[in-house]
C-alpha atoms as a PDB file:
ATOM      1  CA  MET A   1      69.222  61.789 -11.227  1.00  0.00           C
ATOM      2  CA  ALA A   2      71.637  58.962  -9.754  1.00  0.00           C
ATOM      3  CA  THR A   3      73.435  59.473  -6.499  1.00  0.00           C
ATOM      4  CA  GLY A   4      75.163  57.668  -3.711  1.00  0.00           C
ATOM      5  CA  LEU A   5      78.151  55.121  -3.295  1.00  0.00           C
ATOM      6  CA  LEU A   6      81.059  55.235  -5.858  1.00  0.00           C
ATOM      7  CA  VAL A   7      83.785  52.978  -5.361  1.00  0.00           C
ATOM      8  CA  LEU A   8      87.474  54.126  -6.052  1.00  0.00           C
ATOM      9  CA  GLY A   9      90.511  52.308  -6.013  1.00  0.00           C
ATOM     10  CA  VAL A  10      93.957  53.630  -5.619  1.00  0.00           C
ATOM     11  CA  GLY A  11      97.424  52.658  -6.635  1.00  0.00           C
ATOM     12  CA  THR A  12      97.391  48.930  -7.217  1.00  0.00           C
ATOM     13  CA  SER A  13      94.039  48.535  -5.583  1.00  0.00           C
ATOM     14  CA  THR A  14      92.560  49.417  -8.586  1.00  0.00           C
ATOM     15  CA  ARG A  15      93.013  45.749  -9.585  1.00  0.00           C
ATOM     16  CA  LEU A  16      90.607  44.856  -6.806  1.00  0.00           C
ATOM     17  CA  LEU A  17      87.519  46.723  -8.433  1.00  0.00           C
ATOM     18  CA  THR A  18      87.427  43.977 -11.012  1.00  0.00           C
ATOM     19  CA  TYR A  19      86.032  41.617  -8.146  1.00  0.00           C
ATOM     20  CA  LEU A  20      83.769  44.273  -6.482  1.00  0.00           C
ATOM     21  CA  VAL A  21      81.792  44.767  -9.599  1.00  0.00           C
ATOM     22  CA  GLY A  22      80.040  41.440  -9.242  1.00  0.00           C
ATOM     23  CA  ALA A  23      79.262  42.095  -5.599  1.00  0.00           C
ATOM     24  CA  ASP A  24      75.743  42.464  -4.485  1.00  0.00           C
ATOM     25  CA  LYS A  25      74.180  45.764  -4.268  1.00  0.00           C
ATOM     26  CA  THR A  26      71.398  47.965  -2.446  1.00  0.00           C
ATOM     27  CA  TYR A  27      69.344  50.919  -3.934  1.00  0.00           C
ATOM     28  CA  THR A  28      66.682  53.324  -2.963  1.00  0.00           C
ATOM     29  CA  ALA A  29      64.755  54.600  -5.817  1.00  0.00           C
ATOM     30  CA  THR A  30      61.417  56.180  -6.580  1.00  0.00           C
ATOM     31  CA  ILE A  31      59.365  54.528  -9.514  1.00  0.00           C
ATOM     32  CA  ARG A  32      56.896  56.907 -11.400  1.00  0.00           C
ATOM     33  CA  LEU A  33      53.858  55.049 -12.723  1.00  0.00           C
ATOM     34  CA  GLY A  34      51.574  56.696 -15.084  1.00  0.00           C
ATOM     35  CA  SER A  35      54.283  57.169 -17.920  1.00  0.00           C
ATOM     36  CA  ALA A  36      57.263  55.384 -19.753  1.00  0.00           C
ATOM     37  CA  THR A  37      60.206  56.784 -21.118  1.00  0.00           C
ATOM     38  CA  VAL A  38      62.780  55.753 -23.922  1.00  0.00           C
ATOM     39  CA  THR A  39      65.396  55.522 -21.206  1.00  0.00           C
ATOM     40  CA  ASP A  40      63.328  53.889 -18.492  1.00  0.00           C
ATOM     41  CA  ASP A  41      64.321  57.021 -16.311  1.00  0.00           C
ATOM     42  CA  ALA A  42      63.144  60.719 -16.156  1.00  0.00           C
ATOM     43  CA  GLU A  43      66.041  61.763 -18.752  1.00  0.00           C
ATOM     44  CA  GLY A  44      64.527  60.292 -21.547  1.00  0.00           C
ATOM     45  CA  ASP A  45      61.520  61.145 -23.868  1.00  0.00           C
ATOM     46  CA  ILE A  46      58.066  60.071 -22.691  1.00  0.00           C
ATOM     47  CA  ILE A  47      56.864  57.531 -25.232  1.00  0.00           C
ATOM     48  CA  PHE A  48      53.744  56.602 -23.705  1.00  0.00           C
ATOM     49  CA  THR A  49      51.141  58.263 -21.065  1.00  0.00           C
ATOM     50  CA  ALA A  50      48.279  56.546 -19.110  1.00  0.00           C
ATOM     51  CA  ASP A  51      45.004  58.172 -18.636  1.00  0.00           C
ATOM     52  CA  ASN A  52      43.749  59.098 -15.035  1.00  0.00           C
ATOM     53  CA  THR A  53      40.925  56.474 -15.471  1.00  0.00           C
ATOM     54  CA  ALA A  54      43.688  53.753 -15.578  1.00  0.00           C
ATOM     55  CA  LEU A  55      45.650  55.097 -12.865  1.00  0.00           C
ATOM     56  CA  ASN A  56      42.682  55.515 -10.574  1.00  0.00           C
ATOM     57  CA  ALA A  57      42.037  51.860 -11.132  1.00  0.00           C
ATOM     58  CA  ILE A  58      45.379  50.783  -9.525  1.00  0.00           C
ATOM     59  CA  SER A  59      45.203  49.984  -6.057  1.00  0.00           C
ATOM     60  CA  ASP A  60      48.173  49.903  -3.758  1.00  0.00           C
ATOM     61  CA  ASP A  61      47.674  46.120  -3.483  1.00  0.00           C
ATOM     62  CA  ASP A  62      48.297  45.957  -7.149  1.00  0.00           C
ATOM     63  CA  ILE A  63      51.430  47.518  -6.928  1.00  0.00           C
ATOM     64  CA  LYS A  64      52.656  45.556  -4.218  1.00  0.00           C
ATOM     65  CA  ARG A  65      51.597  42.514  -6.121  1.00  0.00           C
ATOM     66  CA  GLU A  66      53.858  43.431  -9.288  1.00  0.00           C
ATOM     67  CA  ILE A  67      56.721  44.342  -6.733  1.00  0.00           C
ATOM     68  CA  SER A  68      56.289  40.920  -5.381  1.00  0.00           C
ATOM     69  CA  ALA A  69      56.244  39.240  -8.475  1.00  0.00           C
ATOM     70  CA  LEU A  70      59.852  40.901  -9.261  1.00  0.00           C
ATOM     71  CA  THR A  71      61.643  39.606  -6.115  1.00  0.00           C
ATOM     72  CA  GLY A  72      63.577  36.631  -6.033  1.00  0.00           C
ATOM     73  CA  ALA A  73      65.331  35.041  -9.086  1.00  0.00           C
ATOM     74  CA  ILE A  74      63.905  36.415 -12.292  1.00  0.00           C
ATOM     75  CA  GLU A  75      64.580  36.911 -15.828  1.00  0.00           C
ATOM     76  CA  GLN A  76      65.078  40.795 -16.988  1.00  0.00           C
ATOM     77  CA  ARG A  77      65.468  42.386 -20.072  1.00  0.00           C
ATOM     78  CA  PRO A  78      67.995  45.066 -19.531  1.00  0.00           C
ATOM     79  CA  SER A  79      66.882  48.654 -20.405  1.00  0.00           C
ATOM     80  CA  ALA A  80      67.785  49.304 -24.159  1.00  0.00           C
ATOM     81  CA  VAL A  81      69.708  52.530 -23.336  1.00  0.00           C
ATOM     82  CA  SER A  82      72.451  50.614 -21.468  1.00  0.00           C
ATOM     83  CA  ALA A  83      76.338  49.862 -21.914  1.00  0.00           C
ATOM     84  CA  ILE A  84      75.398  46.483 -23.163  1.00  0.00           C
ATOM     85  CA  LYS A  85      77.074  45.673 -26.560  1.00  0.00           C
ATOM     86  CA  VAL A  86      75.120  44.586 -29.667  1.00  0.00           C
ATOM     87  CA  ASP A  87      77.034  43.518 -32.751  1.00  0.00           C
ATOM     88  CA  GLY A  88      80.039  45.591 -31.245  1.00  0.00           C
ATOM     89  CA  GLN A  89      78.152  48.704 -30.558  1.00  0.00           C
ATOM     90  CA  ARG A  90      76.945  50.035 -27.050  1.00  0.00           C
ATOM     91  CA  ALA A  91      73.078  49.646 -26.965  1.00  0.00           C
ATOM     92  CA  TYR A  92      72.837  53.345 -25.980  1.00  0.00           C
ATOM     93  CA  ASN A  93      74.575  54.627 -29.258  1.00  0.00           C
ATOM     94  CA  LEU A  94      72.379  52.499 -31.120  1.00  0.00           C
ATOM     95  CA  VAL A  95      69.116  53.812 -29.613  1.00  0.00           C
ATOM     96  CA  ARG A  96      70.326  57.273 -29.673  1.00  0.00           C
ATOM     97  CA  ALA A  97      70.947  56.712 -33.713  1.00  0.00           C
ATOM     98  CA  GLY A  98      67.290  55.935 -33.711  1.00  0.00           C
ATOM     99  CA  ASP A  99      67.439  52.154 -33.870  1.00  0.00           C
ATOM    100  CA  ASP A 100      64.974  49.946 -31.920  1.00  0.00           C
ATOM    101  CA  VAL A 101      66.993  47.929 -29.576  1.00  0.00           C
ATOM    102  CA  VAL A 102      65.275  44.839 -27.617  1.00  0.00           C
ATOM    103  CA  LEU A 103      68.090  43.183 -25.474  1.00  0.00           C
ATOM    104  CA  ASP A 104      67.801  39.624 -24.559  1.00  0.00           C
ATOM    105  CA  ALA A 105      66.735  38.735 -20.929  1.00  0.00           C
ATOM    106  CA  ARG A 106      69.126  37.664 -18.469  1.00  0.00           C
ATOM    107  CA  SER A 107      69.191  36.113 -15.028  1.00  0.00           C
ATOM    108  CA  VAL A 108      69.398  38.451 -12.027  1.00  0.00           C
ATOM    109  CA  THR A 109      68.282  38.135  -8.147  1.00  0.00           C
ATOM    110  CA  VAL A 110      66.371  40.607  -6.760  1.00  0.00           C
ATOM    111  CA  SER A 111      66.480  39.467  -2.821  1.00  0.00           C
ATOM    112  CA  ARG A 112      64.723  42.543  -1.509  1.00  0.00           C
ATOM    113  CA  PHE A 113      62.098  44.775  -3.226  1.00  0.00           C
ATOM    114  CA  GLU A 114      60.197  47.015  -0.647  1.00  0.00           C
ATOM    115  CA  SER A 115      57.932  49.834  -1.123  1.00  0.00           C
ATOM    116  CA  HIS A 116      58.132  52.628   1.523  1.00  0.00           C
ATOM    117  CA  ASP A 117      55.468  55.082   0.284  1.00  0.00           C
ATOM    118  CA  ILE A 118      52.921  55.646  -2.460  1.00  0.00           C
ATOM    119  CA  ARG A 119      51.782  58.843  -3.312  1.00  0.00           C
ATOM    120  CA  ARG A 120      49.188  60.050  -5.916  1.00  0.00           C
ATOM    121  CA  THR A 121      49.070  63.072  -7.696  1.00  0.00           C
ATOM    122  CA  PRO A 122      47.223  64.035 -11.026  1.00  0.00           C
ATOM    123  CA  GLY A 123      48.793  61.751 -13.598  1.00  0.00           C
ATOM    124  CA  ALA A 124      51.325  60.010 -11.532  1.00  0.00           C
ATOM    125  CA  ILE A 125      51.731  57.610  -9.003  1.00  0.00           C
ATOM    126  CA  ASP A 126      55.180  57.868  -7.115  1.00  0.00           C
ATOM    127  CA  VAL A 127      56.289  54.848  -5.369  1.00  0.00           C
ATOM    128  CA  ASP A 128      59.525  54.947  -2.832  1.00  0.00           C
ATOM    129  CA  VAL A 129      61.529  51.497  -2.957  1.00  0.00           C
ATOM    130  CA  THR A 130      64.461  49.671  -1.671  1.00  0.00           C
ATOM    131  CA  VAL A 131      65.981  47.115  -3.496  1.00  0.00           C
ATOM    132  CA  ASP A 132      68.792  44.482  -2.817  1.00  0.00           C
ATOM    133  CA  CYS A 133      69.975  42.843  -5.887  1.00  0.00           C
ATOM    134  CA  SER A 134      72.896  40.819  -7.566  1.00  0.00           C
ATOM    135  CA  SER A 135      75.106  42.585  -9.779  1.00  0.00           C
ATOM    136  CA  GLY A 136      73.820  43.417 -13.470  1.00  0.00           C
ATOM    137  CA  THR A 137      70.231  44.419 -12.140  1.00  0.00           C
ATOM    138  CA  TYR A 138      68.676  47.100 -13.753  1.00  0.00           C
ATOM    139  CA  ILE A 139      66.468  49.103 -11.258  1.00  0.00           C
ATOM    140  CA  ARG A 140      65.001  51.061 -14.535  1.00  0.00           C
ATOM    141  CA  ALA A 141      64.130  47.927 -15.771  1.00  0.00           C
ATOM    142  CA  LEU A 142      62.105  46.957 -12.706  1.00  0.00           C
ATOM    143  CA  ALA A 143      60.216  50.329 -12.884  1.00  0.00           C
ATOM    144  CA  ARG A 144      59.405  49.609 -16.570  1.00  0.00           C
ATOM    145  CA  ASP A 145      58.320  46.251 -16.023  1.00  0.00           C
ATOM    146  CA  ILE A 146      56.102  47.267 -13.049  1.00  0.00           C
ATOM    147  CA  GLY A 147      54.411  49.887 -15.313  1.00  0.00           C
ATOM    148  CA  SER A 148      53.889  47.305 -17.878  1.00  0.00           C
ATOM    149  CA  ALA A 149      52.339  44.692 -15.783  1.00  0.00           C
ATOM    150  CA  LEU A 150      49.874  47.550 -14.608  1.00  0.00           C
ATOM    151  CA  ASP A 151      49.361  48.883 -17.937  1.00  0.00           C
ATOM    152  CA  CYS A 152      50.255  52.484 -17.122  1.00  0.00           C
ATOM    153  CA  GLY A 153      53.819  52.628 -18.157  1.00  0.00           C
ATOM    154  CA  GLY A 154      56.607  53.491 -15.474  1.00  0.00           C
ATOM    155  CA  HIS A 155      60.116  54.714 -15.194  1.00  0.00           C
ATOM    156  CA  LEU A 156      62.432  56.126 -12.414  1.00  0.00           C
ATOM    157  CA  THR A 157      62.826  59.802 -11.388  1.00  0.00           C
ATOM    158  CA  ALA A 158      65.581  58.951  -8.379  1.00  0.00           C
ATOM    159  CA  LEU A 159      68.169  56.219  -7.927  1.00  0.00           C
ATOM    160  CA  ARG A 160      70.664  56.194  -4.963  1.00  0.00           C
ATOM    161  CA  ARG A 161      73.238  53.100  -4.429  1.00  0.00           C
ATOM    162  CA  THR A 162      73.705  52.905  -0.939  1.00  0.00           C
ATOM    163  CA  ARG A 163      75.658  49.714  -0.631  1.00  0.00           C
ATOM    164  CA  VAL A 164      78.096  47.618  -2.761  1.00  0.00           C
ATOM    165  CA  GLY A 165      79.104  44.428  -1.132  1.00  0.00           C
ATOM    166  CA  SER A 166      80.192  45.067   2.459  1.00  0.00           C
ATOM    167  CA  LEU A 167      80.582  48.969   1.631  1.00  0.00           C
ATOM    168  CA  SER A 168      77.849  51.332   3.123  1.00  0.00           C
ATOM    169  CA  VAL A 169      77.223  54.761   1.802  1.00  0.00           C
ATOM    170  CA  GLU A 170      76.988  55.715   5.485  1.00  0.00           C
ATOM    171  CA  ASP A 171      80.716  55.139   5.693  1.00  0.00           C
ATOM    172  CA  SER A 172      81.957  57.215   2.643  1.00  0.00           C
ATOM    173  CA  CYS A 173      82.976  60.386   2.040  1.00  0.00           C
ATOM    174  CA  SER A 174      82.404  63.161  -0.491  1.00  0.00           C
ATOM    175  CA  VAL A 175      85.062  63.318  -3.236  1.00  0.00           C
ATOM    176  CA  ASP A 176      86.316  66.883  -1.797  1.00  0.00           C
ATOM    177  CA  ASP A 177      86.943  65.015   1.401  1.00  0.00           C
ATOM    178  CA  ILE A 178      88.975  62.041   0.152  1.00  0.00           C
ATOM    179  CA  SER A 179      92.209  61.728   2.268  1.00  0.00           C
ATOM    180  CA  VAL A 180      94.847  58.956   2.782  1.00  0.00           C
ATOM    181  CA  GLU A 181      93.110  58.552   6.193  1.00  0.00           C
ATOM    182  CA  ARG A 182      89.661  57.806   4.546  1.00  0.00           C
ATOM    183  CA  LEU A 183      91.475  54.906   2.307  1.00  0.00           C
ATOM    184  CA  ILE A 184      90.371  51.262   3.516  1.00  0.00           C
ATOM    185  CA  PRO A 185      93.013  48.665   3.323  1.00  0.00           C
ATOM    186  CA  ALA A 186      92.565  46.330   0.162  1.00  0.00           C
ATOM    187  CA  SER A 187      92.943  43.416   2.528  1.00  0.00           C
ATOM    188  CA  ARG A 188      89.782  44.337   4.237  1.00  0.00           C
ATOM    189  CA  ILE A 189      88.183  44.437   1.048  1.00  0.00           C
ATOM    190  CA  ALA A 190      89.412  41.404  -0.289  1.00  0.00           C
ATOM    191  CA  SER A 191      88.398  39.636   3.154  1.00  0.00           C
ATOM    192  CA  ASP A 192      84.864  40.836   2.839  1.00  0.00           C
ATOM    193  CA  LEU A 193      85.004  38.994  -0.727  1.00  0.00           C
ATOM    194  CA  PHE A 194      86.685  35.861  -0.315  1.00  0.00           C
ATOM    195  CA  PRO A 195      87.985  33.126   2.118  1.00  0.00           C
ATOM    196  CA  VAL A 196      91.273  34.409   3.613  1.00  0.00           C
ATOM    197  CA  LEU A 197      94.920  32.505   3.124  1.00  0.00           C
ATOM    198  CA  THR A 198      97.141  34.044   5.725  1.00  0.00           C
ATOM    199  CA  ALA A 199     100.894  33.723   4.146  1.00  0.00           C
ATOM    200  CA  THR A 200     103.904  33.269   6.225  1.00  0.00           C
ATOM    201  CA  ASP A 201     106.988  35.395   5.364  1.00  0.00           C
ATOM    202  CA  THR A 202     108.202  33.028   3.041  1.00  0.00           C
ATOM    203  CA  GLU A 203     105.078  32.205   1.407  1.00  0.00           C
ATOM    204  CA  ALA A 204     104.505  35.925   0.987  1.00  0.00           C
ATOM    205  CA  ILE A 205     107.656  36.312  -0.720  1.00  0.00           C
ATOM    206  CA  ASP A 206     106.784  33.254  -3.337  1.00  0.00           C
ATOM    207  CA  ILE A 207     103.261  34.037  -3.556  1.00  0.00           C
ATOM    208  CA  GLY A 208     104.738  37.703  -4.708  1.00  0.00           C
ATOM    209  CA  HIS A 209     106.738  35.956  -7.241  1.00  0.00           C
ATOM    210  CA  GLY A 210     103.891  34.051  -8.739  1.00  0.00           C
ATOM    211  CA  LYS A 211     104.877  30.649  -7.512  1.00  0.00           C
ATOM    212  CA  ARG A 212     102.459  28.211  -6.290  1.00  0.00           C
ATOM    213  CA  VAL A 213     102.200  27.378  -2.327  1.00  0.00           C
ATOM    214  CA  GLU A 214     100.460  24.507  -0.578  1.00  0.00           C
ATOM    215  CA  THR A 215      97.577  25.307   1.581  1.00  0.00           C
ATOM    216  CA  ALA A 216      94.894  23.323   3.696  1.00  0.00           C
ATOM    217  CA  ILE A 217      92.292  25.836   2.270  1.00  0.00           C
ATOM    218  CA  PRO A 218      89.463  23.888   0.299  1.00  0.00           C
ATOM    219  CA  ASP A 219      89.480  24.282  -3.215  1.00  0.00           C
ATOM    220  CA  ALA A 220      88.099  27.742  -4.296  1.00  0.00           C
ATOM    221  CA  PRO A 221      87.917  30.037  -7.405  1.00  0.00           C
ATOM    222  CA  PHE A 222      89.048  32.736  -5.358  1.00  0.00           C
ATOM    223  CA  VAL A 223      90.871  33.504  -2.119  1.00  0.00           C
ATOM    224  CA  ALA A 224      92.335  36.761  -0.773  1.00  0.00           C
ATOM    225  CA  VAL A 225      96.334  35.735   0.102  1.00  0.00           C
ATOM    226  CA  VAL A 226      97.130  38.425   3.061  1.00  0.00           C
ATOM    227  CA  HIS A 227     100.384  38.860   4.698  1.00  0.00           C
ATOM    228  CA  GLY A 228      99.892  41.132   8.200  1.00  0.00           C
ATOM    229  CA  ASP A 229      97.403  43.996   7.012  1.00  0.00           C
ATOM    230  CA  ARG A 230      98.640  44.045   3.436  1.00  0.00           C
ATOM    231  CA  LEU A 231      96.827  42.214   0.292  1.00  0.00           C
ATOM    232  CA  ILE A 232      99.459  39.941  -1.504  1.00  0.00           C
ATOM    233  CA  ALA A 233      97.224  38.334  -4.251  1.00  0.00           C
ATOM    234  CA  ILE A 234      93.820  36.749  -5.178  1.00  0.00           C
ATOM    235  CA  ALA A 235      94.440  33.417  -5.903  1.00  0.00           C
ATOM    236  CA  SER A 236      92.501  30.045  -6.711  1.00  0.00           C
ATOM    237  CA  VAL A 237      93.047  27.161  -4.993  1.00  0.00           C
ATOM    238  CA  THR A 238      93.109  23.751  -6.510  1.00  0.00           C
ATOM    239  CA  LYS A 239      94.236  20.130  -5.264  1.00  0.00           C
ATOM    240  CA  GLY A 240      95.846  22.067  -2.337  1.00  0.00           C
ATOM    241  CA  LEU A 241      98.030  24.604  -4.227  1.00  0.00           C
ATOM    242  CA  ALA A 242      97.232  28.147  -4.591  1.00  0.00           C
ATOM    243  CA  ARG A 243      97.976  29.970  -7.816  1.00  0.00           C
ATOM    244  CA  VAL A 244      97.796  33.790  -8.160  1.00  0.00           C
ATOM    245  CA  VAL A 245      95.071  35.088 -10.327  1.00  0.00           C
ATOM    246  CA  THR A 246      95.932  38.884  -9.520  1.00  0.00           C
ATOM    247  CA  GLY A 247      98.890  40.024  -7.816  1.00  0.00           C
ATOM    248  CA  PHE A 248      99.318  43.473  -5.744  1.00  0.00           C
ATOM    249  CA  PRO A 249     102.816  44.685  -5.999  1.00  0.00           C
ATOM    250  CA  HIS A 250     103.537  46.898  -2.857  1.00  0.00           C
ATOM    251  CA  ASP A 251     103.740  50.375  -3.662  1.00  0.00           C
END
């Protein structure tokens, strides 16, 4: 049911994935109004079904109003069937064991939430949407909350991730087509994420050994330290000194 962009790291570049996790993302999805499921998507058992009278009373404007209400900075309660830990256990394991799980709401940002097509069939309204959002946003939860606001139930029937940070699914390849030539240098990815500190030959050696180096770059929690086309480190800058947070030894 879920397709799209999956970011893979090779060698020491896997260390960069930690920072990519927090990047904004873009999804296309289909929301089905008219029923709710235990997982908030089509793979879960149906726990509520609206009657046709209730669905017929919902206008396109009603749907767009609720989409607008979930755009911007919002408090979102994650789907119960998620990887979030509750008392040391994954929420999805607790749900599968028959426990009722209600997770605390958290702050997320939905910078774009647009509907492209609204299709009506007996017992359902399908809405195709595009969502730009911060890391940690659950698209399933958006479907659930729209259905709840309209008193008709809602869940996802399709989900596709099309962007992670500066990486687009349009520039990706299938797993079978992965090759050295298709790999993106870690320095490019890091440069898209953070300010860049270009190191001299001497600084590259010092930073590679974990030493602090002086820099005129303003204080920042993370900067990408590059030497030529190679990523040396992710560093923090405080009071004119760059300190290595994550090193990237040359393979």
